[in-house]
Amino acid sequence: MQKAPLSLFVIVLAACQQAPEQQEAATPAPAGPAPGTPEWKIESALGAAPAAISANAAVMDWPAAEGGSMAELRPGTNGWTCMPDVPSSPGTDPMCLDSVALQWAAAWQAHTTPTIAAVGFAYMLQGGSDASNTDPFATGPQPGEQWVETGPHVMLFLPDPKALASVSTDYRAGGPYIMWQGTPYAHVMLPVR
């Protein structure tokens, strides 16, 4: 008779020890910000660069319409600007740009020739999806082609893109390559896998 209460005590003790684990498993992980909200866009943008860069970077949203202005989602203090995932591409492709790369990006968006006086850098540590490796204004791949899916990379912008003429444009080889060779928007893509 004395063994039954001890056995019952062991069963109750075991159940009490398992209950918190079962509660943790049943509690869903907190969801992040809802896609498309300013909070989600900020989180997306900050994932483009190392924390040492993104922590104090400004965050700008893409224009709502072509030719429109970018909207500031968060001010910054370190001269870098991060932007969320590009809504028109199939992949995840936020980016963080220094001031030179931002000038380049503004010219690209406006379809004007960039005027770059120094070397510029941009991070895309989530990778990128581009409609074309040759046409900077393509909105989708040519018939029979696919999106250019690039893994995590750093972009390098030079004052004279003609200096890149001898660098490979083969984005499938796994090494550095030139995107948009022969245009004013040519830049170096440096994979960082």
N, C-alpha and C. Protein backbone atom coordinates (compact mmCIF):
# COMPACT_ATOMS: atom_id res chain seq x y z
N MET A 1 0.81 -1.19 0.00
CA MET A 1 0.00 0.00 0.00
C MET A 1 0.86 1.25 0.00
N GLN A 2 2.00 1.22 0.61
CA GLN A 2 2.84 2.41 0.65
C GLN A 2 3.46 2.70 -0.71
N LYS A 3 3.62 1.70 -1.55
CA LYS A 3 4.24 1.91 -2.85
C LYS A 3 3.30 2.67 -3.80
N ALA A 4 1.98 2.49 -3.68
CA ALA A 4 1.05 3.16 -4.58
C ALA A 4 1.15 4.68 -4.47
N PRO A 5 1.15 5.27 -3.24
CA PRO A 5 1.26 6.72 -3.15
C PRO A 5 2.60 7.22 -3.71
N LEU A 6 3.69 6.48 -3.53
CA LEU A 6 4.99 6.88 -4.05
C LEU A 6 4.98 6.84 -5.57
N SER A 7 4.36 5.81 -6.14
CA SER A 7 4.25 5.71 -7.60
C SER A 7 3.42 6.86 -8.15
N LEU A 8 2.32 7.17 -7.48
CA LEU A 8 1.47 8.27 -7.90
C LEU A 8 2.24 9.59 -7.85
N PHE A 9 3.04 9.79 -6.81
CA PHE A 9 3.86 11.00 -6.66
C PHE A 9 4.86 11.12 -7.82
N VAL A 10 5.50 10.02 -8.22
CA VAL A 10 6.48 10.02 -9.31
C VAL A 10 5.79 10.38 -10.63
N ILE A 11 4.58 9.85 -10.86
CA ILE A 11 3.85 10.14 -12.09
C ILE A 11 3.47 11.62 -12.14
N VAL A 12 2.98 12.17 -11.02
CA VAL A 12 2.60 13.59 -10.96
C VAL A 12 3.82 14.47 -11.17
N LEU A 13 4.95 14.11 -10.54
CA LEU A 13 6.18 14.88 -10.68
C LEU A 13 6.65 14.86 -12.13
N ALA A 14 6.61 13.72 -12.79
CA ALA A 14 7.02 13.61 -14.20
C ALA A 14 6.11 14.46 -15.08
N ALA A 15 4.81 14.45 -14.81
CA ALA A 15 3.86 15.24 -15.60
C ALA A 15 4.13 16.73 -15.43
N CYS A 16 4.45 17.15 -14.21
CA CYS A 16 4.75 18.56 -13.96
C CYS A 16 6.01 18.99 -14.69
N GLN A 17 6.98 18.10 -14.78
CA GLN A 17 8.22 18.45 -15.46
C GLN A 17 8.02 18.51 -16.97
N GLN A 18 7.10 17.75 -17.52
CA GLN A 18 6.88 17.75 -18.96
C GLN A 18 5.96 18.89 -19.40
N ALA A 19 5.14 19.36 -18.53
CA ALA A 19 4.15 20.38 -18.92
C ALA A 19 4.79 21.63 -19.52
N PRO A 20 5.84 22.24 -18.92
CA PRO A 20 6.41 23.44 -19.53
C PRO A 20 6.97 23.17 -20.93
N GLU A 21 7.59 22.01 -21.14
CA GLU A 21 8.13 21.68 -22.45
C GLU A 21 7.01 21.57 -23.47
N GLN A 22 5.89 20.92 -23.06
CA GLN A 22 4.77 20.79 -23.97
C GLN A 22 4.15 22.14 -24.27
N GLN A 23 4.12 23.06 -23.28
CA GLN A 23 3.58 24.39 -23.50
C GLN A 23 4.45 25.15 -24.50
N GLU A 24 5.78 25.04 -24.35
CA GLU A 24 6.68 25.74 -25.27
C GLU A 24 6.49 25.23 -26.69
N ALA A 25 6.32 23.92 -26.85
CA ALA A 25 6.14 23.35 -28.18
C ALA A 25 4.81 23.79 -28.78
N ALA A 26 3.78 23.97 -27.94
CA ALA A 26 2.46 24.34 -28.43
C ALA A 26 2.37 25.83 -28.73
N THR A 27 3.22 26.66 -28.13
CA THR A 27 3.17 28.10 -28.34
C THR A 27 3.89 28.44 -29.64
N PRO A 28 3.19 29.00 -30.62
CA PRO A 28 3.87 29.33 -31.87
C PRO A 28 4.87 30.46 -31.67
N ALA A 29 5.92 30.42 -32.48
CA ALA A 29 6.91 31.49 -32.43
C ALA A 29 6.22 32.80 -32.83
N PRO A 30 6.62 33.90 -32.20
CA PRO A 30 5.97 35.16 -32.56
C PRO A 30 6.23 35.48 -34.03
N ALA A 31 5.19 35.88 -34.71
CA ALA A 31 5.32 36.23 -36.12
C ALA A 31 6.02 37.57 -36.24
N GLY A 32 6.78 37.74 -37.31
CA GLY A 32 7.42 39.02 -37.55
C GLY A 32 6.40 40.01 -38.06
N PRO A 33 6.87 41.17 -38.43
CA PRO A 33 5.94 42.18 -38.97
C PRO A 33 5.23 41.66 -40.22
N ALA A 34 4.04 42.12 -40.43
CA ALA A 34 3.26 41.70 -41.60
C ALA A 34 3.94 42.20 -42.88
N PRO A 35 4.05 41.33 -43.89
CA PRO A 35 4.68 41.73 -45.15
C PRO A 35 4.06 43.01 -45.72
N GLY A 36 4.93 43.89 -46.19
CA GLY A 36 4.47 45.14 -46.79
C GLY A 36 4.35 46.31 -45.84
N THR A 37 4.35 46.03 -44.53
CA THR A 37 4.25 47.13 -43.56
C THR A 37 5.60 47.84 -43.46
N PRO A 38 5.62 49.09 -42.97
CA PRO A 38 6.90 49.77 -42.80
C PRO A 38 7.86 48.98 -41.90
N GLU A 39 7.35 48.32 -40.88
CA GLU A 39 8.21 47.54 -39.98
C GLU A 39 8.85 46.37 -40.72
N TRP A 40 8.06 45.71 -41.58
CA TRP A 40 8.59 44.61 -42.37
C TRP A 40 9.64 45.10 -43.35
N LYS A 41 9.38 46.24 -44.00
CA LYS A 41 10.33 46.80 -44.96
C LYS A 41 11.64 47.16 -44.28
N ILE A 42 11.58 47.71 -43.09
CA ILE A 42 12.80 48.04 -42.35
C ILE A 42 13.57 46.78 -42.02
N GLU A 43 12.88 45.77 -41.51
CA GLU A 43 13.53 44.50 -41.18
C GLU A 43 14.16 43.87 -42.43
N SER A 44 13.45 43.90 -43.53
CA SER A 44 13.96 43.37 -44.79
C SER A 44 15.22 44.13 -45.22
N ALA A 45 15.17 45.44 -45.20
CA ALA A 45 16.29 46.26 -45.64
C ALA A 45 17.54 46.02 -44.79
N LEU A 46 17.37 45.91 -43.50
CA LEU A 46 18.52 45.76 -42.61
C LEU A 46 19.21 44.41 -42.77
N GLY A 47 18.53 43.43 -43.36
CA GLY A 47 19.13 42.13 -43.60
C GLY A 47 20.08 42.10 -44.78
N ALA A 48 20.23 43.22 -45.48
CA ALA A 48 21.07 43.26 -46.68
C ALA A 48 22.55 43.39 -46.38
N ALA A 49 22.91 43.89 -45.21
CA ALA A 49 24.32 44.20 -44.91
C ALA A 49 24.70 43.69 -43.53
N PRO A 50 26.00 43.63 -43.24
CA PRO A 50 26.41 43.27 -41.89
C PRO A 50 25.83 44.27 -40.88
N ALA A 51 25.60 43.81 -39.66
CA ALA A 51 25.00 44.66 -38.62
C ALA A 51 25.82 45.92 -38.39
N ALA A 52 27.14 45.85 -38.54
CA ALA A 52 27.98 47.04 -38.33
C ALA A 52 27.62 48.15 -39.32
N ILE A 53 27.08 47.78 -40.48
CA ILE A 53 26.64 48.76 -41.48
C ILE A 53 25.17 49.10 -41.28
N SER A 54 24.33 48.09 -41.19
CA SER A 54 22.88 48.33 -41.19
C SER A 54 22.35 48.94 -39.90
N ALA A 55 23.04 48.75 -38.79
CA ALA A 55 22.53 49.24 -37.50
C ALA A 55 22.26 50.74 -37.51
N ASN A 56 23.08 51.51 -38.19
CA ASN A 56 22.92 52.96 -38.20
C ASN A 56 22.62 53.52 -39.59
N ALA A 57 22.20 52.64 -40.50
CA ALA A 57 21.90 53.07 -41.86
C ALA A 57 20.49 53.66 -41.95
N ALA A 58 20.31 54.57 -42.87
CA ALA A 58 18.97 55.05 -43.19
C ALA A 58 18.25 53.93 -43.93
N VAL A 59 16.93 53.91 -43.84
CA VAL A 59 16.14 52.95 -44.60
C VAL A 59 15.15 53.73 -45.46
N MET A 60 15.23 53.47 -46.76
CA MET A 60 14.37 54.12 -47.73
C MET A 60 13.52 53.06 -48.43
N ASP A 61 12.28 53.41 -48.74
CA ASP A 61 11.40 52.50 -49.46
C ASP A 61 11.44 52.85 -50.94
N TRP A 62 11.20 51.83 -51.78
CA TRP A 62 11.17 52.03 -53.22
C TRP A 62 10.02 52.96 -53.57
N PRO A 63 10.12 53.69 -54.68
CA PRO A 63 9.01 54.54 -55.10
C PRO A 63 7.75 53.72 -55.35
N ALA A 64 6.62 54.29 -55.06
CA ALA A 64 5.34 53.61 -55.28
C ALA A 64 5.05 53.45 -56.76
N ALA A 65 5.57 54.35 -57.59
CA ALA A 65 5.39 54.28 -59.04
C ALA A 65 6.70 54.68 -59.72
N GLU A 66 6.91 54.17 -60.92
CA GLU A 66 8.13 54.50 -61.65
C GLU A 66 8.25 56.01 -61.80
N GLY A 67 9.43 56.52 -61.50
CA GLY A 67 9.67 57.96 -61.58
C GLY A 67 9.31 58.69 -60.29
N GLY A 68 8.72 57.98 -59.33
CA GLY A 68 8.35 58.59 -58.06
C GLY A 68 9.55 58.72 -57.12
N SER A 69 9.30 59.30 -56.00
CA SER A 69 10.36 59.50 -55.00
C SER A 69 10.37 58.36 -54.00
N MET A 70 11.55 58.10 -53.47
CA MET A 70 11.67 57.12 -52.40
C MET A 70 11.18 57.74 -51.10
N ALA A 71 10.66 56.93 -50.22
CA ALA A 71 10.15 57.41 -48.93
C ALA A 71 11.08 56.96 -47.81
N GLU A 72 11.42 57.86 -46.91
CA GLU A 72 12.27 57.50 -45.78
C GLU A 72 11.45 56.75 -44.73
N LEU A 73 11.93 55.56 -44.39
CA LEU A 73 11.28 54.76 -43.35
C LEU A 73 11.99 54.91 -42.01
N ARG A 74 13.28 55.26 -42.07
CA ARG A 74 14.07 55.44 -40.84
C ARG A 74 15.29 56.28 -41.19
N PRO A 75 15.60 57.31 -40.39
CA PRO A 75 16.81 58.09 -40.66
C PRO A 75 18.05 57.28 -40.27
N GLY A 76 19.18 57.69 -40.80
CA GLY A 76 20.43 57.02 -40.48
C GLY A 76 21.51 58.02 -40.14
N THR A 77 22.65 57.50 -39.66
CA THR A 77 23.74 58.39 -39.23
C THR A 77 25.10 58.01 -39.79
N ASN A 78 25.19 56.93 -40.58
CA ASN A 78 26.52 56.47 -41.00
C ASN A 78 26.80 56.62 -42.50
N GLY A 79 25.92 57.27 -43.24
CA GLY A 79 26.15 57.47 -44.67
C GLY A 79 25.70 56.31 -45.55
N TRP A 80 25.17 55.25 -44.97
CA TRP A 80 24.66 54.11 -45.74
C TRP A 80 23.14 54.20 -45.79
N THR A 81 22.58 53.68 -46.88
CA THR A 81 21.13 53.63 -47.06
C THR A 81 20.74 52.22 -47.46
N CYS A 82 19.79 51.66 -46.73
CA CYS A 82 19.30 50.31 -47.02
C CYS A 82 17.88 50.40 -47.58
N MET A 83 17.59 49.46 -48.51
CA MET A 83 16.27 49.41 -49.12
C MET A 83 15.74 47.98 -49.02
N PRO A 84 14.44 47.82 -48.85
CA PRO A 84 13.86 46.49 -48.69
C PRO A 84 13.85 45.69 -49.99
N ASP A 85 13.37 44.49 -49.87
CA ASP A 85 13.19 43.59 -51.02
C ASP A 85 12.50 44.33 -52.16
N VAL A 86 12.99 44.10 -53.37
CA VAL A 86 12.40 44.73 -54.56
C VAL A 86 11.08 44.02 -54.87
N PRO A 87 9.96 44.73 -54.82
CA PRO A 87 8.67 44.06 -54.97
C PRO A 87 8.44 43.43 -56.34
N SER A 88 9.10 43.91 -57.38
CA SER A 88 8.83 43.41 -58.73
C SER A 88 9.67 42.20 -59.13
N SER A 89 10.60 41.76 -58.27
CA SER A 89 11.43 40.60 -58.62
C SER A 89 10.95 39.37 -57.85
N PRO A 90 11.24 38.18 -58.37
CA PRO A 90 10.76 36.97 -57.71
C PRO A 90 11.57 36.57 -56.48
N GLY A 91 12.78 37.05 -56.34
CA GLY A 91 13.64 36.65 -55.23
C GLY A 91 13.62 37.64 -54.09
N THR A 92 14.43 37.35 -53.09
CA THR A 92 14.60 38.24 -51.95
C THR A 92 15.86 39.06 -52.22
N ASP A 93 15.73 40.37 -52.34
CA ASP A 93 16.88 41.16 -52.75
C ASP A 93 16.95 42.57 -52.15
N PRO A 94 16.98 42.67 -50.82
CA PRO A 94 17.21 43.99 -50.24
C PRO A 94 18.67 44.40 -50.46
N MET A 95 18.96 45.69 -50.33
CA MET A 95 20.32 46.17 -50.53
C MET A 95 20.65 47.33 -49.61
N CYS A 96 21.96 47.47 -49.32
CA CYS A 96 22.47 48.61 -48.56
C CYS A 96 23.58 49.25 -49.38
N LEU A 97 23.50 50.56 -49.59
CA LEU A 97 24.42 51.28 -50.46
C LEU A 97 25.12 52.41 -49.72
N ASP A 98 26.41 52.61 -50.03
CA ASP A 98 27.08 53.79 -49.49
C ASP A 98 26.63 54.99 -50.33
N SER A 99 27.12 56.19 -50.01
CA SER A 99 26.64 57.39 -50.68
C SER A 99 26.94 57.40 -52.18
N VAL A 100 28.09 56.83 -52.58
CA VAL A 100 28.44 56.78 -54.01
C VAL A 100 27.49 55.82 -54.73
N ALA A 101 27.30 54.64 -54.18
CA ALA A 101 26.40 53.67 -54.80
C ALA A 101 24.97 54.20 -54.85
N LEU A 102 24.59 54.98 -53.86
CA LEU A 102 23.24 55.57 -53.86
C LEU A 102 23.09 56.56 -55.01
N GLN A 103 24.14 57.33 -55.30
CA GLN A 103 24.10 58.24 -56.46
C GLN A 103 23.93 57.43 -57.74
N TRP A 104 24.68 56.32 -57.83
CA TRP A 104 24.56 55.45 -58.99
C TRP A 104 23.12 54.93 -59.12
N ALA A 105 22.56 54.46 -58.01
CA ALA A 105 21.20 53.90 -58.02
C ALA A 105 20.16 54.94 -58.41
N ALA A 106 20.35 56.18 -57.96
CA ALA A 106 19.41 57.25 -58.31
C ALA A 106 19.45 57.51 -59.82
N ALA A 107 20.65 57.50 -60.39
CA ALA A 107 20.77 57.70 -61.84
C ALA A 107 20.15 56.53 -62.60
N TRP A 108 20.37 55.32 -62.13
CA TRP A 108 19.79 54.13 -62.76
C TRP A 108 18.26 54.21 -62.74
N GLN A 109 17.70 54.57 -61.59
CA GLN A 109 16.24 54.65 -61.49
C GLN A 109 15.66 55.75 -62.38
N ALA A 110 16.43 56.83 -62.56
CA ALA A 110 15.97 57.95 -63.38
C ALA A 110 16.33 57.78 -64.86
N HIS A 111 17.05 56.68 -65.19
CA HIS A 111 17.50 56.43 -66.56
C HIS A 111 18.41 57.55 -67.06
N THR A 112 19.25 58.08 -66.16
CA THR A 112 20.24 59.09 -66.52
C THR A 112 21.63 58.50 -66.31
N THR A 113 22.63 59.12 -66.88
CA THR A 113 24.00 58.63 -66.76
C THR A 113 24.55 58.97 -65.37
N PRO A 114 25.05 57.96 -64.64
CA PRO A 114 25.60 58.25 -63.32
C PRO A 114 26.88 59.07 -63.43
N THR A 115 27.05 59.99 -62.51
CA THR A 115 28.29 60.74 -62.40
C THR A 115 28.91 60.34 -61.07
N ILE A 116 29.92 59.48 -61.14
CA ILE A 116 30.54 58.95 -59.93
C ILE A 116 31.98 59.42 -59.87
N ALA A 117 32.36 60.04 -58.77
CA ALA A 117 33.71 60.58 -58.62
C ALA A 117 34.61 59.70 -57.77
N ALA A 118 34.05 58.68 -57.15
CA ALA A 118 34.84 57.82 -56.26
C ALA A 118 34.33 56.38 -56.37
N VAL A 119 35.03 55.46 -55.73
CA VAL A 119 34.60 54.07 -55.69
C VAL A 119 33.43 53.94 -54.72
N GLY A 120 32.43 53.17 -55.10
CA GLY A 120 31.27 52.96 -54.25
C GLY A 120 31.02 51.47 -54.00
N PHE A 121 30.33 51.18 -52.91
CA PHE A 121 30.04 49.79 -52.52
C PHE A 121 28.57 49.63 -52.15
N ALA A 122 28.07 48.43 -52.37
CA ALA A 122 26.72 48.07 -51.92
C ALA A 122 26.72 46.61 -51.50
N TYR A 123 25.93 46.29 -50.48
CA TYR A 123 25.76 44.92 -50.01
C TYR A 123 24.40 44.39 -50.43
N MET A 124 24.39 43.13 -50.84
CA MET A 124 23.15 42.39 -51.05
C MET A 124 23.36 40.99 -50.48
N LEU A 125 23.39 40.90 -49.17
CA LEU A 125 23.71 39.64 -48.51
C LEU A 125 22.57 38.63 -48.51
N GLN A 126 21.39 39.04 -48.99
CA GLN A 126 20.28 38.10 -49.17
C GLN A 126 20.24 37.58 -50.61
N GLY A 127 21.12 38.09 -51.45
CA GLY A 127 21.13 37.71 -52.86
C GLY A 127 20.34 38.70 -53.69
N GLY A 128 20.11 38.34 -54.93
CA GLY A 128 19.38 39.23 -55.82
C GLY A 128 18.78 38.49 -56.99
N SER A 129 17.76 39.08 -57.58
CA SER A 129 17.10 38.57 -58.78
C SER A 129 17.05 39.69 -59.79
N ASP A 130 17.65 39.46 -60.94
CA ASP A 130 17.65 40.49 -61.99
C ASP A 130 17.06 39.91 -63.26
N ALA A 131 16.34 40.73 -63.99
CA ALA A 131 15.71 40.29 -65.23
C ALA A 131 16.74 40.01 -66.30
N SER A 132 17.89 40.69 -66.23
CA SER A 132 18.90 40.55 -67.27
C SER A 132 20.27 40.93 -66.72
N ASN A 133 21.31 40.26 -67.21
CA ASN A 133 22.68 40.65 -66.86
C ASN A 133 23.24 41.63 -67.88
N THR A 134 22.47 41.92 -68.93
CA THR A 134 22.95 42.82 -69.98
C THR A 134 22.11 44.08 -70.13
N ASP A 135 20.84 44.04 -69.77
CA ASP A 135 19.94 45.18 -69.95
C ASP A 135 19.53 45.74 -68.59
N PRO A 136 20.03 46.94 -68.24
CA PRO A 136 19.72 47.49 -66.92
C PRO A 136 18.26 47.87 -66.72
N PHE A 137 17.48 47.94 -67.80
CA PHE A 137 16.09 48.36 -67.66
C PHE A 137 15.08 47.26 -67.98
N ALA A 138 15.55 46.04 -68.13
CA ALA A 138 14.64 44.92 -68.39
C ALA A 138 13.72 44.73 -67.19
N THR A 139 12.46 44.50 -67.47
CA THR A 139 11.49 44.27 -66.39
C THR A 139 11.17 42.79 -66.22
N GLY A 140 11.67 41.98 -67.13
CA GLY A 140 11.50 40.53 -67.06
C GLY A 140 12.50 39.89 -68.01
N PRO A 141 12.76 38.62 -67.84
CA PRO A 141 13.70 37.94 -68.73
C PRO A 141 13.17 37.88 -70.17
N GLN A 142 14.08 37.81 -71.12
CA GLN A 142 13.72 37.62 -72.52
C GLN A 142 13.08 36.24 -72.68
N PRO A 143 12.28 36.03 -73.72
CA PRO A 143 11.69 34.71 -73.95
C PRO A 143 12.78 33.63 -73.98
N GLY A 144 12.56 32.56 -73.27
CA GLY A 144 13.52 31.47 -73.19
C GLY A 144 14.60 31.67 -72.15
N GLU A 145 14.67 32.84 -71.54
CA GLU A 145 15.66 33.12 -70.49
C GLU A 145 14.99 33.03 -69.13
N GLN A 146 15.82 32.98 -68.09
CA GLN A 146 15.31 32.97 -66.72
C GLN A 146 15.86 34.17 -65.97
N TRP A 147 15.29 34.44 -64.80
CA TRP A 147 15.82 35.50 -63.95
C TRP A 147 17.26 35.16 -63.58
N VAL A 148 18.10 36.17 -63.49
CA VAL A 148 19.48 35.99 -63.04
C VAL A 148 19.45 35.97 -61.51
N GLU A 149 19.60 34.79 -60.95
CA GLU A 149 19.57 34.64 -59.49
C GLU A 149 21.00 34.67 -58.97
N THR A 150 21.31 35.68 -58.20
CA THR A 150 22.64 35.85 -57.65
C THR A 150 22.57 35.63 -56.15
N GLY A 151 23.48 34.85 -55.63
CA GLY A 151 23.54 34.64 -54.19
C GLY A 151 24.06 35.88 -53.48
N PRO A 152 24.37 35.77 -52.21
CA PRO A 152 24.90 36.93 -51.46
C PRO A 152 26.10 37.53 -52.18
N HIS A 153 26.13 38.85 -52.28
CA HIS A 153 27.23 39.50 -52.98
C HIS A 153 27.42 40.94 -52.53
N VAL A 154 28.57 41.48 -52.91
CA VAL A 154 28.89 42.89 -52.73
C VAL A 154 29.04 43.46 -54.13
N MET A 155 28.58 44.68 -54.33
CA MET A 155 28.73 45.35 -55.61
C MET A 155 29.77 46.46 -55.48
N LEU A 156 30.56 46.63 -56.53
CA LEU A 156 31.62 47.63 -56.58
C LEU A 156 31.35 48.53 -57.78
N PHE A 157 31.31 49.84 -57.54
CA PHE A 157 31.04 50.83 -58.58
C PHE A 157 32.28 51.69 -58.78
N LEU A 158 32.68 51.86 -60.03
CA LEU A 158 33.87 52.65 -60.36
C LEU A 158 33.47 53.92 -61.10
N PRO A 159 34.29 54.98 -60.98
CA PRO A 159 33.99 56.21 -61.72
C PRO A 159 33.94 56.00 -63.23
N ASP A 160 34.77 55.09 -63.76
CA ASP A 160 34.78 54.83 -65.19
C ASP A 160 34.42 53.37 -65.45
N PRO A 161 33.16 53.08 -65.77
CA PRO A 161 32.77 51.68 -65.98
C PRO A 161 33.48 51.04 -67.18
N LYS A 162 34.07 51.85 -68.06
CA LYS A 162 34.82 51.29 -69.19
C LYS A 162 36.05 50.52 -68.70
N ALA A 163 36.52 50.83 -67.51
CA ALA A 163 37.67 50.12 -66.95
C ALA A 163 37.35 48.66 -66.67
N LEU A 164 36.08 48.29 -66.72
CA LEU A 164 35.65 46.92 -66.42
C LEU A 164 35.53 46.06 -67.67
N ALA A 165 35.90 46.61 -68.82
CA ALA A 165 35.68 45.93 -70.10
C ALA A 165 36.32 44.55 -70.19
N SER A 166 37.42 44.32 -69.49
CA SER A 166 38.12 43.03 -69.61
C SER A 166 37.65 41.99 -68.59
N VAL A 167 36.73 42.35 -67.71
CA VAL A 167 36.25 41.43 -66.67
C VAL A 167 35.09 40.60 -67.22
N SER A 168 35.04 39.33 -66.82
CA SER A 168 34.02 38.40 -67.29
C SER A 168 32.61 38.89 -66.96
N THR A 169 31.68 38.53 -67.82
CA THR A 169 30.26 38.79 -67.56
C THR A 169 29.52 37.49 -67.21
N ASP A 170 30.27 36.41 -67.01
CA ASP A 170 29.67 35.10 -66.74
C ASP A 170 29.23 34.99 -65.29
N TYR A 171 27.95 35.20 -65.06
CA TYR A 171 27.41 35.16 -63.70
C TYR A 171 27.23 33.73 -63.18
N ARG A 172 27.40 32.75 -64.02
CA ARG A 172 27.24 31.36 -63.60
C ARG A 172 28.55 30.74 -63.12
N ALA A 173 29.68 31.39 -63.36
CA ALA A 173 31.00 30.81 -63.06
C ALA A 173 31.32 30.80 -61.56
N GLY A 174 30.66 31.62 -60.77
CA GLY A 174 30.89 31.63 -59.33
C GLY A 174 31.90 32.66 -58.84
N GLY A 175 32.57 33.33 -59.76
CA GLY A 175 33.55 34.35 -59.37
C GLY A 175 33.02 35.75 -59.66
N PRO A 176 33.87 36.76 -59.49
CA PRO A 176 33.44 38.13 -59.80
C PRO A 176 33.04 38.24 -61.27
N TYR A 177 32.06 39.05 -61.53
CA TYR A 177 31.63 39.28 -62.91
C TYR A 177 31.04 40.69 -63.03
N ILE A 178 30.87 41.11 -64.27
CA ILE A 178 30.30 42.43 -64.52
C ILE A 178 28.84 42.30 -64.90
N MET A 179 28.03 43.10 -64.27
CA MET A 179 26.62 43.20 -64.63
C MET A 179 26.45 44.45 -65.47
N TRP A 180 25.69 44.33 -66.54
CA TRP A 180 25.33 45.43 -67.43
C TRP A 180 26.56 46.04 -68.12
N GLN A 181 27.48 45.15 -68.51
CA GLN A 181 28.69 45.54 -69.23
C GLN A 181 28.34 46.37 -70.46
N GLY A 182 29.17 47.37 -70.76
CA GLY A 182 28.96 48.20 -71.94
C GLY A 182 27.91 49.29 -71.77
N THR A 183 27.37 49.44 -70.57
CA THR A 183 26.40 50.51 -70.29
C THR A 183 27.00 51.41 -69.21
N PRO A 184 26.45 52.59 -69.01
CA PRO A 184 26.95 53.47 -67.94
C PRO A 184 26.70 52.89 -66.54
N TYR A 185 25.92 51.80 -66.47
CA TYR A 185 25.55 51.20 -65.18
C TYR A 185 26.37 49.95 -64.86
N ALA A 186 27.39 49.67 -65.66
CA ALA A 186 28.23 48.49 -65.43
C ALA A 186 28.85 48.56 -64.04
N HIS A 187 28.84 47.41 -63.34
CA HIS A 187 29.44 47.36 -62.00
C HIS A 187 29.91 45.93 -61.74
N VAL A 188 30.79 45.80 -60.75
CA VAL A 188 31.35 44.49 -60.40
C VAL A 188 30.44 43.83 -59.39
N MET A 189 30.18 42.54 -59.61
CA MET A 189 29.44 41.71 -58.66
C MET A 189 30.44 40.75 -58.04
N LEU A 190 30.57 40.80 -56.72
CA LEU A 190 31.52 39.97 -56.00
C LEU A 190 30.77 38.99 -55.10
N PRO A 191 30.62 37.74 -55.52
CA PRO A 191 29.94 36.75 -54.68
C PRO A 191 30.66 36.58 -53.34
N VAL A 192 29.90 36.40 -52.27
CA VAL A 192 30.48 36.26 -50.93
C VAL A 192 29.97 35.01 -50.22
N ARG A 193 29.77 33.94 -50.96
CA ARG A 193 29.27 32.71 -50.35
C ARG A 193 30.33 32.09 -49.48
